[in-house]
Amino acid sequence: MTPFVIALLTLALGPAMFSFFSYVVYKREPHKKYPTGITDAVGDVILLPAFNAIVFSSGITFTPAGTVIAAVLALLVTAWFLVYRKDRAEHNDWSRPAKHCFNAGGWYHLAFFAVQSFIIFAGLLSLYANLLIWLPVGGFLLLAIYRFAVQIPKLK
């Protein structure tokens, strides 16, 4: 697949589906529409599609050891995300209408997070010397730090 097709597929499975849940499924909750923050607006719409396009067009290789390591890391970070997002976060949004309760959008987002985490870890393990893959990862990490430091405290 071409990088453009990979980026479009990432947009279709990520932000487009999140928007579908927000604007179509949960249309009665206009204050909880996607995107909910800078990591959603810039990270999911620009940086993740760019990362996936770079990784899959650069010839990612799945060695047995790399696949196991990527899967374990993805499971660990997904478990953290599940506990944090479902039970620890103070704010509710389009994926969590109330504390301790995911809706269908929340479970979809968790599944997307797990798959994307695996792709990120597998890509970094396979192509760690490719500087291009570090640009979207670094940008996403900066956005996440900004969100946790600046945006989330304002939501409380």
Protein backbone atom coordinates (compact mmCIF):
# COMPACT_ATOMS: atom_id res chain seq x y z
CA MET A 1 0.00 0.00 0.00
CA THR A 2 1.12 3.53 -0.64
CA PRO A 3 1.84 5.90 2.27
CA PHE A 4 -1.24 7.93 1.28
CA VAL A 5 -3.53 4.88 1.52
CA ILE A 6 -2.02 3.91 4.88
CA ALA A 7 -2.58 7.44 6.21
CA LEU A 8 -6.19 7.41 4.96
CA LEU A 9 -6.79 4.00 6.55
CA THR A 10 -5.44 5.30 9.87
CA LEU A 11 -7.74 8.33 9.62
CA ALA A 12 -10.73 6.10 8.80
CA LEU A 13 -10.12 3.73 11.72
CA GLY A 14 -9.14 6.44 14.19
CA PRO A 15 -10.44 10.00 14.02
CA ALA A 16 -13.25 9.25 11.55
CA MET A 17 -14.65 6.47 13.75
CA PHE A 18 -14.22 8.61 16.87
CA SER A 19 -16.14 11.40 15.13
CA PHE A 20 -18.81 8.90 14.12
CA PHE A 21 -19.28 7.87 17.75
CA SER A 22 -19.28 11.48 18.88
CA TYR A 23 -21.50 13.13 16.26
CA VAL A 24 -23.78 10.25 15.21
CA VAL A 25 -24.04 7.73 18.05
CA TYR A 26 -23.86 10.17 20.97
CA LYS A 27 -25.38 13.21 19.25
CA ARG A 28 -27.42 14.02 22.34
CA GLU A 29 -24.23 14.93 24.18
CA PRO A 30 -22.94 17.95 22.18
CA HIS A 31 -20.50 19.02 24.89
CA LYS A 32 -18.63 15.72 24.61
CA LYS A 33 -17.81 15.73 20.91
CA TYR A 34 -14.53 14.57 19.43
CA PRO A 35 -11.83 15.89 19.29
CA THR A 36 -11.45 16.49 22.99
CA GLY A 37 -7.92 17.87 23.09
CA ILE A 38 -4.76 18.72 21.23
CA THR A 39 -3.56 15.11 21.19
CA ASP A 40 -6.79 14.16 19.44
CA ALA A 41 -6.85 17.06 17.01
CA VAL A 42 -3.18 17.06 16.00
CA GLY A 43 -1.86 13.73 17.23
CA ASP A 44 -4.57 11.42 15.92
CA VAL A 45 -5.30 13.40 12.76
CA ILE A 46 -1.76 14.27 11.64
CA LEU A 47 0.96 12.47 13.61
CA LEU A 48 -0.44 8.90 13.83
CA PRO A 49 -1.30 8.71 10.11
CA ALA A 50 2.16 10.10 9.30
CA PHE A 51 3.83 7.58 11.61
CA ASN A 52 1.93 4.64 10.12
CA ALA A 53 2.62 5.81 6.57
CA ILE A 54 6.35 6.12 7.29
CA VAL A 55 6.59 2.79 9.12
CA PHE A 56 4.69 0.68 6.61
CA SER A 57 6.30 2.31 3.58
CA SER A 58 9.79 1.92 5.10
CA GLY A 59 9.54 -1.85 5.22
CA ILE A 60 8.78 -2.79 8.82
CA THR A 61 9.92 -6.30 9.65
CA PHE A 62 8.25 -8.48 12.26
CA THR A 63 10.85 -10.71 13.87
CA PRO A 64 9.56 -13.21 16.46
CA ALA A 65 11.38 -11.48 19.34
CA GLY A 66 10.39 -8.00 18.18
CA THR A 67 6.76 -9.05 17.79
CA VAL A 68 6.64 -10.50 21.31
CA ILE A 69 8.32 -7.43 22.82
CA ALA A 70 5.99 -5.07 20.92
CA ALA A 71 2.94 -7.11 21.98
CA VAL A 72 3.96 -7.14 25.66
CA LEU A 73 4.69 -3.39 25.65
CA ALA A 74 1.40 -2.70 23.86
CA LEU A 75 -0.52 -4.79 26.42
CA LEU A 76 1.17 -3.00 29.32
CA VAL A 77 0.51 0.50 28.00
CA THR A 78 -3.06 -0.47 27.04
CA ALA A 79 -3.69 -1.83 30.56
CA TRP A 80 -2.40 1.46 31.97
CA PHE A 81 -4.63 3.40 29.58
CA LEU A 82 -7.65 1.30 30.56
CA VAL A 83 -7.14 1.85 34.28
CA TYR A 84 -6.29 5.53 33.93
CA ARG A 85 -8.98 6.46 31.42
CA LYS A 86 -11.77 4.35 32.91
CA ASP A 87 -11.16 4.73 36.63
CA ARG A 88 -8.57 7.39 37.41
CA ALA A 89 -9.17 10.32 35.06
CA GLU A 90 -11.19 13.15 36.58
CA HIS A 91 -12.91 14.32 33.40
CA ASN A 92 -15.54 12.63 31.27
CA ASP A 93 -15.76 12.94 27.50
CA TRP A 94 -17.25 11.29 24.40
CA SER A 95 -15.81 7.87 25.37
CA ARG A 96 -16.62 7.86 29.08
CA PRO A 97 -19.97 9.33 30.08
CA ALA A 98 -19.29 8.69 33.78
CA LYS A 99 -16.39 7.51 35.91
CA HIS A 100 -15.86 3.71 35.79
CA CYS A 101 -18.04 3.44 32.67
CA PHE A 102 -16.95 3.19 29.04
CA ASN A 103 -19.51 3.46 26.30
CA ALA A 104 -19.10 1.74 22.90
CA GLY A 105 -16.89 4.61 21.75
CA GLY A 106 -14.64 4.12 24.76
CA TRP A 107 -14.21 0.41 24.09
CA TYR A 108 -13.53 1.12 20.42
CA HIS A 109 -10.94 3.72 21.41
CA LEU A 110 -9.29 1.21 23.75
CA ALA A 111 -9.06 -1.35 20.92
CA PHE A 112 -7.66 1.29 18.53
CA PHE A 113 -5.17 2.32 21.24
CA ALA A 114 -4.02 -1.30 21.65
CA VAL A 115 -3.51 -1.87 17.93
CA GLN A 116 -1.81 1.49 17.41
CA SER A 117 0.45 0.89 20.42
CA PHE A 118 1.55 -2.40 18.90
CA ILE A 119 2.27 -0.70 15.57
CA ILE A 120 4.26 2.03 17.33
CA PHE A 121 6.37 -0.39 19.38
CA ALA A 122 6.90 -2.76 16.45
CA GLY A 123 7.84 0.16 14.21
CA LEU A 124 10.28 1.60 16.73
CA LEU A 125 11.90 -1.80 17.32
CA SER A 126 12.17 -2.56 13.62
CA LEU A 127 13.09 0.87 12.28
CA TYR A 128 14.73 2.61 15.25
CA ALA A 129 17.50 4.02 13.03
CA ASN A 130 15.01 5.78 10.72
CA LEU A 131 14.91 9.39 11.91
CA LEU A 132 11.59 10.04 10.15
CA ILE A 133 9.63 7.74 12.48
CA TRP A 134 10.90 9.61 15.55
CA LEU A 135 9.45 12.94 14.38
CA PRO A 136 5.77 11.99 14.75
CA VAL A 137 6.50 10.02 17.94
CA GLY A 138 8.32 12.98 19.47
CA GLY A 139 5.55 15.34 18.40
CA PHE A 140 2.89 13.10 19.91
CA LEU A 141 4.80 12.82 23.19
CA LEU A 142 5.11 16.61 23.38
CA LEU A 143 1.38 16.95 22.75
CA ALA A 144 0.62 14.38 25.47
CA ILE A 145 2.84 16.23 27.96
CA TYR A 146 1.11 19.48 27.08
CA ARG A 147 -2.30 17.88 27.46
CA PHE A 148 -1.53 16.41 30.88
CA ALA A 149 0.19 19.56 32.12
CA VAL A 150 -2.08 22.26 30.68
CA GLN A 151 -5.37 21.01 29.26
CA ILE A 152 -6.47 18.29 31.71
CA PRO A 153 -6.11 20.46 34.83
CA LYS A 154 -8.50 22.95 33.18
CA LEU A 155 -11.11 20.18 32.68
CA LYS A 156 -11.45 19.50 36.42
